[in-house]
């Protein structure tokens, strides 16, 4: 049942959990980018998803940066 998109916005329960956790972690990090591995660990506390499936979901949701992500964005400003 949880794989069925909600009629209100088209999100599945799993997608909603991922977006909620992404929001929570981003707030904890002071608005900085959230490493996928950190998000994956938190998501797996709610349901299992492979790292590849999570990456695909993030890409579908538009919550994933380009493949050539600039890692300097995760570093604090001087």
PDB file of N, CA and C in Angstrom:
ATOM      1  N   UNK A   1       0.821  -1.193   0.000  1.00  0.00           N
ATOM      2  CA  UNK A   1       0.000   0.000   0.000  1.00  0.00           C
ATOM      3  C   UNK A   1       0.865   1.257   0.000  1.00  0.00           C
ATOM      4  N   UNK A   2       2.044   1.222   0.649  1.00  0.00           N
ATOM      5  CA  UNK A   2       2.845   2.424   0.772  1.00  0.00           C
ATOM      6  C   UNK A   2       3.502   2.828  -0.543  1.00  0.00           C
ATOM      7  N   UNK A   3       3.520   1.945  -1.544  1.00  0.00           N
ATOM      8  CA  UNK A   3       4.113   2.278  -2.831  1.00  0.00           C
ATOM      9  C   UNK A   3       3.168   3.039  -3.747  1.00  0.00           C
ATOM     10  N   UNK A   4       1.948   3.278  -3.288  1.00  0.00           N
ATOM     11  CA  UNK A   4       0.958   3.977  -4.091  1.00  0.00           C
ATOM     12  C   UNK A   4       1.074   5.474  -3.837  1.00  0.00           C
ATOM     13  N   UNK A   5       1.223   6.277  -4.893  1.00  0.00           N
ATOM     14  CA  UNK A   5       1.332   7.731  -4.696  1.00  0.00           C
ATOM     15  C   UNK A   5       0.053   8.319  -4.116  1.00  0.00           C
ATOM     16  N   UNK A   6       0.217   9.314  -3.265  1.00  0.00           N
ATOM     17  CA  UNK A   6      -0.899  10.038  -2.669  1.00  0.00           C
ATOM     18  C   UNK A   6      -1.543  10.903  -3.747  1.00  0.00           C
ATOM     19  N   UNK A   7      -2.854  10.979  -3.762  1.00  0.00           N
ATOM     20  CA  UNK A   7      -3.553  11.749  -4.793  1.00  0.00           C
ATOM     21  C   UNK A   7      -3.333  13.252  -4.641  1.00  0.00           C
ATOM     22  N   UNK A   8      -2.986  13.713  -3.446  1.00  0.00           N
ATOM     23  CA  UNK A   8      -2.803  15.147  -3.217  1.00  0.00           C
ATOM     24  C   UNK A   8      -1.563  15.694  -3.922  1.00  0.00           C
ATOM     25  N   UNK A   9      -0.455  14.947  -3.856  1.00  0.00           N
ATOM     26  CA  UNK A   9       0.785  15.471  -4.416  1.00  0.00           C
ATOM     27  C   UNK A   9       1.594  14.458  -5.208  1.00  0.00           C
ATOM     28  N   UNK A  10       1.140  13.224  -5.276  1.00  0.00           N
ATOM     29  CA  UNK A  10       1.832  12.213  -6.075  1.00  0.00           C
ATOM     30  C   UNK A  10       3.032  11.584  -5.393  1.00  0.00           C
ATOM     31  N   UNK A  11       3.265  11.893  -4.104  1.00  0.00           N
ATOM     32  CA  UNK A  11       4.387  11.310  -3.379  1.00  0.00           C
ATOM     33  C   UNK A  11       3.969  10.019  -2.685  1.00  0.00           C
ATOM     34  N   UNK A  12       4.880   9.049  -2.686  1.00  0.00           N
ATOM     35  CA  UNK A  12       4.640   7.829  -1.917  1.00  0.00           C
ATOM     36  C   UNK A  12       5.030   8.094  -0.465  1.00  0.00           C
ATOM     37  N   UNK A  13       4.665   7.179   0.407  1.00  0.00           N
ATOM     38  CA  UNK A  13       5.024   7.315   1.820  1.00  0.00           C
ATOM     39  C   UNK A  13       6.544   7.372   1.972  1.00  0.00           C
ATOM     40  N   UNK A  14       7.255   6.528   1.240  1.00  0.00           N
ATOM     41  CA  UNK A  14       8.717   6.498   1.322  1.00  0.00           C
ATOM     42  C   UNK A  14       9.326   7.821   0.856  1.00  0.00           C
ATOM     43  N   UNK A  15       8.819   8.378  -0.228  1.00  0.00           N
ATOM     44  CA  UNK A  15       9.330   9.661  -0.718  1.00  0.00           C
ATOM     45  C   UNK A  15       9.086  10.769   0.299  1.00  0.00           C
ATOM     46  N   UNK A  16       7.937  10.719   0.944  1.00  0.00           N
ATOM     47  CA  UNK A  16       7.600  11.725   1.949  1.00  0.00           C
ATOM     48  C   UNK A  16       8.555  11.630   3.135  1.00  0.00           C
ATOM     49  N   UNK A  17       8.888  10.405   3.566  1.00  0.00           N
ATOM     50  CA  UNK A  17       9.829  10.204   4.669  1.00  0.00           C
ATOM     51  C   UNK A  17      11.202  10.735   4.288  1.00  0.00           C
ATOM     52  N   UNK A  18      11.654  10.446   3.068  1.00  0.00           N
ATOM     53  CA  UNK A  18      12.965  10.914   2.609  1.00  0.00           C
ATOM     54  C   UNK A  18      13.015  12.440   2.603  1.00  0.00           C
ATOM     55  N   UNK A  19      12.006  13.089   2.070  1.00  0.00           N
ATOM     56  CA  UNK A  19      11.996  14.551   2.031  1.00  0.00           C
ATOM     57  C   UNK A  19      11.934  15.152   3.430  1.00  0.00           C
ATOM     58  N   UNK A  20      11.167  14.549   4.313  1.00  0.00           N
ATOM     59  CA  UNK A  20      11.077  15.027   5.694  1.00  0.00           C
ATOM     60  C   UNK A  20      12.433  14.913   6.383  1.00  0.00           C
ATOM     61  N   UNK A  21      13.095  13.760   6.246  1.00  0.00           N
ATOM     62  CA  UNK A  21      14.407  13.573   6.864  1.00  0.00           C
ATOM     63  C   UNK A  21      15.442  14.512   6.258  1.00  0.00           C
ATOM     64  N   UNK A  22      15.372  14.714   4.963  1.00  0.00           N
ATOM     65  CA  UNK A  22      16.280  15.643   4.305  1.00  0.00           C
ATOM     66  C   UNK A  22      16.137  17.040   4.927  1.00  0.00           C
ATOM     67  N   UNK A  23      14.907  17.456   5.149  1.00  0.00           N
ATOM     68  CA  UNK A  23      14.633  18.747   5.773  1.00  0.00           C
ATOM     69  C   UNK A  23      15.179  18.811   7.202  1.00  0.00           C
ATOM     70  N   UNK A  24      14.927  17.767   7.981  1.00  0.00           N
ATOM     71  CA  UNK A  24      15.376  17.725   9.374  1.00  0.00           C
ATOM     72  C   UNK A  24      16.898  17.795   9.454  1.00  0.00           C
ATOM     73  N   UNK A  25      17.583  16.986   8.657  1.00  0.00           N
ATOM     74  CA  UNK A  25      19.046  16.947   8.701  1.00  0.00           C
ATOM     75  C   UNK A  25      19.630  18.266   8.221  1.00  0.00           C
ATOM     76  N   UNK A  26      19.038  18.842   7.199  1.00  0.00           N
ATOM     77  CA  UNK A  26      19.544  20.114   6.690  1.00  0.00           C
ATOM     78  C   UNK A  26      19.429  21.204   7.767  1.00  0.00           C
ATOM     79  N   UNK A  27      18.342  21.205   8.510  1.00  0.00           N
ATOM     80  CA  UNK A  27      18.200  22.162   9.612  1.00  0.00           C
ATOM     81  C   UNK A  27      19.255  21.915  10.682  1.00  0.00           C
ATOM     82  N   UNK A  28      19.515  20.630  11.008  1.00  0.00           N
ATOM     83  CA  UNK A  28      20.530  20.287  12.001  1.00  0.00           C
ATOM     84  C   UNK A  28      21.911  20.770  11.564  1.00  0.00           C
ATOM     85  N   UNK A  29      22.160  20.781  10.258  1.00  0.00           N
ATOM     86  CA  UNK A  29      23.459  21.171   9.720  1.00  0.00           C
ATOM     87  C   UNK A  29      23.524  22.663   9.403  1.00  0.00           C
ATOM     88  N   UNK A  30      22.587  23.430   9.876  1.00  0.00           N
ATOM     89  CA  UNK A  30      22.602  24.869   9.668  1.00  0.00           C
ATOM     90  C   UNK A  30      22.366  25.271   8.225  1.00  0.00           C
ATOM     91  N   UNK A  31      21.582  24.483   7.512  1.00  0.00           N
ATOM     92  CA  UNK A  31      21.241  24.811   6.130  1.00  0.00           C
ATOM     93  C   UNK A  31      22.223  24.277   5.095  1.00  0.00           C
ATOM     94  N   UNK A  32      23.282  23.637   5.553  1.00  0.00           N
ATOM     95  CA  UNK A  32      24.272  23.105   4.606  1.00  0.00           C
ATOM     96  C   UNK A  32      23.744  21.853   3.911  1.00  0.00           C
ATOM     97  N   UNK A  33      24.419  21.478   2.823  1.00  0.00           N
ATOM     98  CA  UNK A  33      24.051  20.277   2.072  1.00  0.00           C
ATOM     99  C   UNK A  33      24.137  19.035   2.951  1.00  0.00           C
ATOM    100  N   UNK A  34      23.287  18.060   2.645  1.00  0.00           N
ATOM    101  CA  UNK A  34      23.235  16.818   3.407  1.00  0.00           C
ATOM    102  C   UNK A  34      23.930  15.722   2.604  1.00  0.00           C
ATOM    103  N   UNK A  35      24.975  15.107   3.166  1.00  0.00           N
ATOM    104  CA  UNK A  35      25.608  13.993   2.461  1.00  0.00           C
ATOM    105  C   UNK A  35      24.616  12.838   2.293  1.00  0.00           C
ATOM    106  N   UNK A  36      24.629  12.231   1.129  1.00  0.00           N
ATOM    107  CA  UNK A  36      23.693  11.138   0.847  1.00  0.00           C
ATOM    108  C   UNK A  36      23.858   9.996   1.841  1.00  0.00           C
ATOM    109  N   UNK A  37      25.090   9.698   2.237  1.00  0.00           N
ATOM    110  CA  UNK A  37      25.323   8.603   3.187  1.00  0.00           C
ATOM    111  C   UNK A  37      24.652   8.890   4.533  1.00  0.00           C
ATOM    112  N   UNK A  38      24.687  10.145   4.975  1.00  0.00           N
ATOM    113  CA  UNK A  38      24.036  10.517   6.228  1.00  0.00           C
ATOM    114  C   UNK A  38      22.526  10.353   6.105  1.00  0.00           C
ATOM    115  N   UNK A  39      21.974  10.814   4.996  1.00  0.00           N
ATOM    116  CA  UNK A  39      20.539  10.677   4.761  1.00  0.00           C
ATOM    117  C   UNK A  39      20.152   9.205   4.702  1.00  0.00           C
ATOM    118  N   UNK A  40      20.952   8.399   4.001  1.00  0.00           N
ATOM    119  CA  UNK A  40      20.653   6.968   3.854  1.00  0.00           C
ATOM    120  C   UNK A  40      20.591   6.287   5.221  1.00  0.00           C
ATOM    121  N   UNK A  41      21.537   6.622   6.100  1.00  0.00           N
ATOM    122  CA  UNK A  41      21.527   6.027   7.439  1.00  0.00           C
ATOM    123  C   UNK A  41      20.257   6.343   8.196  1.00  0.00           C
ATOM    124  N   UNK A  42      19.806   7.573   8.088  1.00  0.00           N
ATOM    125  CA  UNK A  42      18.576   7.967   8.787  1.00  0.00           C
ATOM    126  C   UNK A  42      17.349   7.327   8.154  1.00  0.00           C
ATOM    127  N   UNK A  43      17.327   7.254   6.821  1.00  0.00           N
ATOM    128  CA  UNK A  43      16.183   6.649   6.125  1.00  0.00           C
ATOM    129  C   UNK A  43      16.048   5.183   6.522  1.00  0.00           C
ATOM    130  N   UNK A  44      17.183   4.489   6.627  1.00  0.00           N
ATOM    131  CA  UNK A  44      17.142   3.061   6.966  1.00  0.00           C
ATOM    132  C   UNK A  44      16.637   2.800   8.379  1.00  0.00           C
ATOM    133  N   UNK A  45      16.546   3.846   9.211  1.00  0.00           N
ATOM    134  CA  UNK A  45      15.912   3.694  10.519  1.00  0.00           C
ATOM    135  C   UNK A  45      14.395   3.575  10.373  1.00  0.00           C
ATOM    136  N   UNK A  46      13.863   3.994   9.223  1.00  0.00           N
ATOM    137  CA  UNK A  46      12.416   3.957   8.979  1.00  0.00           C
ATOM    138  C   UNK A  46      12.017   2.832   8.021  1.00  0.00           C
ATOM    139  N   UNK A  47      12.809   2.608   6.991  1.00  0.00           N
ATOM    140  CA  UNK A  47      12.569   1.516   6.044  1.00  0.00           C
ATOM    141  C   UNK A  47      13.862   1.267   5.290  1.00  0.00           C
ATOM    142  N   UNK A  48      14.018   0.040   4.762  1.00  0.00           N
ATOM    143  CA  UNK A  48      15.247  -0.256   4.042  1.00  0.00           C
ATOM    144  C   UNK A  48      15.122   0.189   2.593  1.00  0.00           C
ATOM    145  N   UNK A  49      16.190   0.821   2.123  1.00  0.00           N
ATOM    146  CA  UNK A  49      16.313   1.197   0.729  1.00  0.00           C
ATOM    147  C   UNK A  49      17.797   1.099   0.403  1.00  0.00           C
ATOM    148  N   UNK A  50      18.128   0.573  -0.751  1.00  0.00           N
ATOM    149  CA  UNK A  50      19.533   0.475  -1.124  1.00  0.00           C
ATOM    150  C   UNK A  50      20.063   1.872  -1.435  1.00  0.00           C
ATOM    151  N   UNK A  51      21.370   2.073  -1.313  1.00  0.00           N
ATOM    152  CA  UNK A  51      21.930   3.385  -1.643  1.00  0.00           C
ATOM    153  C   UNK A  51      21.622   3.803  -3.085  1.00  0.00           C
ATOM    154  N   UNK A  52      21.618   2.846  -4.002  1.00  0.00           N
ATOM    155  CA  UNK A  52      21.313   3.156  -5.403  1.00  0.00           C
ATOM    156  C   UNK A  52      19.866   3.595  -5.571  1.00  0.00           C
ATOM    157  N   UNK A  53      18.955   2.916  -4.861  1.00  0.00           N
ATOM    158  CA  UNK A  53      17.540   3.298  -4.937  1.00  0.00           C
ATOM    159  C   UNK A  53      17.315   4.688  -4.338  1.00  0.00           C
ATOM    160  N   UNK A  54      18.018   4.994  -3.246  1.00  0.00           N
ATOM    161  CA  UNK A  54      17.891   6.318  -2.644  1.00  0.00           C
ATOM    162  C   UNK A  54      18.402   7.388  -3.602  1.00  0.00           C
ATOM    163  N   UNK A  55      19.538   7.141  -4.235  1.00  0.00           N
ATOM    164  CA  UNK A  55      20.079   8.110  -5.199  1.00  0.00           C
ATOM    165  C   UNK A  55      19.105   8.334  -6.347  1.00  0.00           C
ATOM    166  N   UNK A  56      18.492   7.258  -6.844  1.00  0.00           N
ATOM    167  CA  UNK A  56      17.515   7.390  -7.926  1.00  0.00           C
ATOM    168  C   UNK A  56      16.294   8.176  -7.457  1.00  0.00           C
ATOM    169  N   UNK A  57      15.846   7.925  -6.227  1.00  0.00           N
ATOM    170  CA  UNK A  57      14.694   8.643  -5.689  1.00  0.00           C
ATOM    171  C   UNK A  57      15.021  10.129  -5.553  1.00  0.00           C
ATOM    172  N   UNK A  58      16.209  10.453  -5.038  1.00  0.00           N
ATOM    173  CA  UNK A  58      16.603  11.849  -4.890  1.00  0.00           C
ATOM    174  C   UNK A  58      16.664  12.548  -6.239  1.00  0.00           C
ATOM    175  N   UNK A  59      17.151  11.842  -7.250  1.00  0.00           N
ATOM    176  CA  UNK A  59      17.207  12.424  -8.592  1.00  0.00           C
ATOM    177  C   UNK A  59      15.793  12.684  -9.119  1.00  0.00           C
ATOM    178  N   UNK A  60      14.879  11.731  -8.903  1.00  0.00           N
ATOM    179  CA  UNK A  60      13.483  11.906  -9.341  1.00  0.00           C
ATOM    180  C   UNK A  60      12.830  13.087  -8.651  1.00  0.00           C
ATOM    181  N   UNK A  61      13.142  13.262  -7.369  1.00  0.00           N
ATOM    182  CA  UNK A  61      12.528  14.327  -6.587  1.00  0.00           C
ATOM    183  C   UNK A  61      13.209  15.674  -6.807  1.00  0.00           C
ATOM    184  N   UNK A  62      14.323  15.667  -7.511  1.00  0.00           N
ATOM    185  CA  UNK A  62      15.040  16.906  -7.763  1.00  0.00           C
ATOM    186  C   UNK A  62      15.841  17.378  -6.567  1.00  0.00           C
ATOM    187  N   UNK A  63      16.111  16.476  -5.629  1.00  0.00           N
ATOM    188  CA  UNK A  63      16.824  16.841  -4.412  1.00  0.00           C
ATOM    189  C   UNK A  63      18.290  16.453  -4.467  1.00  0.00           C
ATOM    190  N   UNK A  64      18.767  16.136  -5.634  1.00  0.00           N
ATOM    191  CA  UNK A  64      20.157  15.710  -5.765  1.00  0.00           C
ATOM    192  C   UNK A  64      20.874  16.652  -6.701  1.00  0.00           C
ATOM    193  N   UNK A  65      22.039  17.066  -6.294  1.00  0.00           N
ATOM    194  CA  UNK A  65      22.842  17.958  -7.119  1.00  0.00           C
ATOM    195  C   UNK A  65      23.425  17.220  -8.297  1.00  0.00           C
ATOM    196  N   UNK A  66      24.169  17.919  -9.151  1.00  0.00           N
ATOM    197  CA  UNK A  66      24.787  17.286 -10.302  1.00  0.00           C
ATOM    198  C   UNK A  66      25.826  16.251  -9.872  1.00  0.00           C
ATOM    199  N   UNK A  67      26.131  15.324 -10.766  1.00  0.00           N
ATOM    200  CA  UNK A  67      27.073  14.250 -10.459  1.00  0.00           C
ATOM    201  C   UNK A  67      28.452  14.806 -10.138  1.00  0.00           C
ATOM    202  N   UNK A  68      28.786  15.942 -10.691  1.00  0.00           N
ATOM    203  CA  UNK A  68      30.084  16.566 -10.431  1.00  0.00           C
ATOM    204  C   UNK A  68      29.926  17.573  -9.303  1.00  0.00           C
ATOM    205  N   UNK A  69      29.433  17.104  -8.171  1.00  0.00           N
ATOM    206  CA  UNK A  69      29.148  17.940  -7.007  1.00  0.00           C
ATOM    207  C   UNK A  69      30.436  18.574  -6.499  1.00  0.00           C
ATOM    208  N   UNK A  70      30.407  19.854  -6.251  1.00  0.00           N
ATOM    209  CA  UNK A  70      31.538  20.580  -5.709  1.00  0.00           C
ATOM    210  C   UNK A  70      31.561  20.362  -4.198  1.00  0.00           C
ATOM    211  N   UNK A  71      32.511  19.568  -3.719  1.00  0.00           N
ATOM    212  CA  UNK A  71      32.561  19.215  -2.293  1.00  0.00           C
ATOM    213  C   UNK A  71      32.906  20.407  -1.424  1.00  0.00           C
ATOM    214  N   UNK A  72      33.428  21.465  -1.990  1.00  0.00           N
ATOM    215  CA  UNK A  72      33.749  22.655  -1.197  1.00  0.00           C
ATOM    216  C   UNK A  72      32.506  23.290  -0.616  1.00  0.00           C
ATOM    217  N   UNK A  73      31.336  23.017  -1.207  1.00  0.00           N
ATOM    218  CA  UNK A  73      30.081  23.596  -0.706  1.00  0.00           C
ATOM    219  C   UNK A  73      29.761  23.069   0.689  1.00  0.00           C
ATOM    220  N   UNK A  74      30.300  21.886   1.060  1.00  0.00           N
ATOM    221  CA  UNK A  74      30.051  21.291   2.374  1.00  0.00           C
ATOM    222  C   UNK A  74      31.002  21.826   3.444  1.00  0.00           C
ATOM    223  N   UNK A  75      32.009  22.591   3.043  1.00  0.00           N
ATOM    224  CA  UNK A  75      32.986  23.110   3.983  1.00  0.00           C
ATOM    225  C   UNK A  75      32.517  24.455   4.528  1.00  0.00           C
ATOM    226  N   UNK A  76      32.821  24.718   5.789  1.00  0.00           N
ATOM    227  CA  UNK A  76      32.422  26.015   6.346  1.00  0.00           C
ATOM    228  C   UNK A  76      33.192  27.155   5.676  1.00  0.00           C
ATOM    229  N   UNK A  77      32.557  28.288   5.600  1.00  0.00           N
ATOM    230  CA  UNK A  77      33.197  29.465   5.013  1.00  0.00           C
ATOM    231  C   UNK A  77      34.285  29.973   5.957  1.00  0.00           C
ATOM    232  N   UNK A  78      35.378  30.501   5.414  1.00  0.00           N
ATOM    233  CA  UNK A  78      36.466  31.009   6.281  1.00  0.00           C
ATOM    234  C   UNK A  78      36.041  32.230   7.058  1.00  0.00           C
TER     235      UNK A  78
END
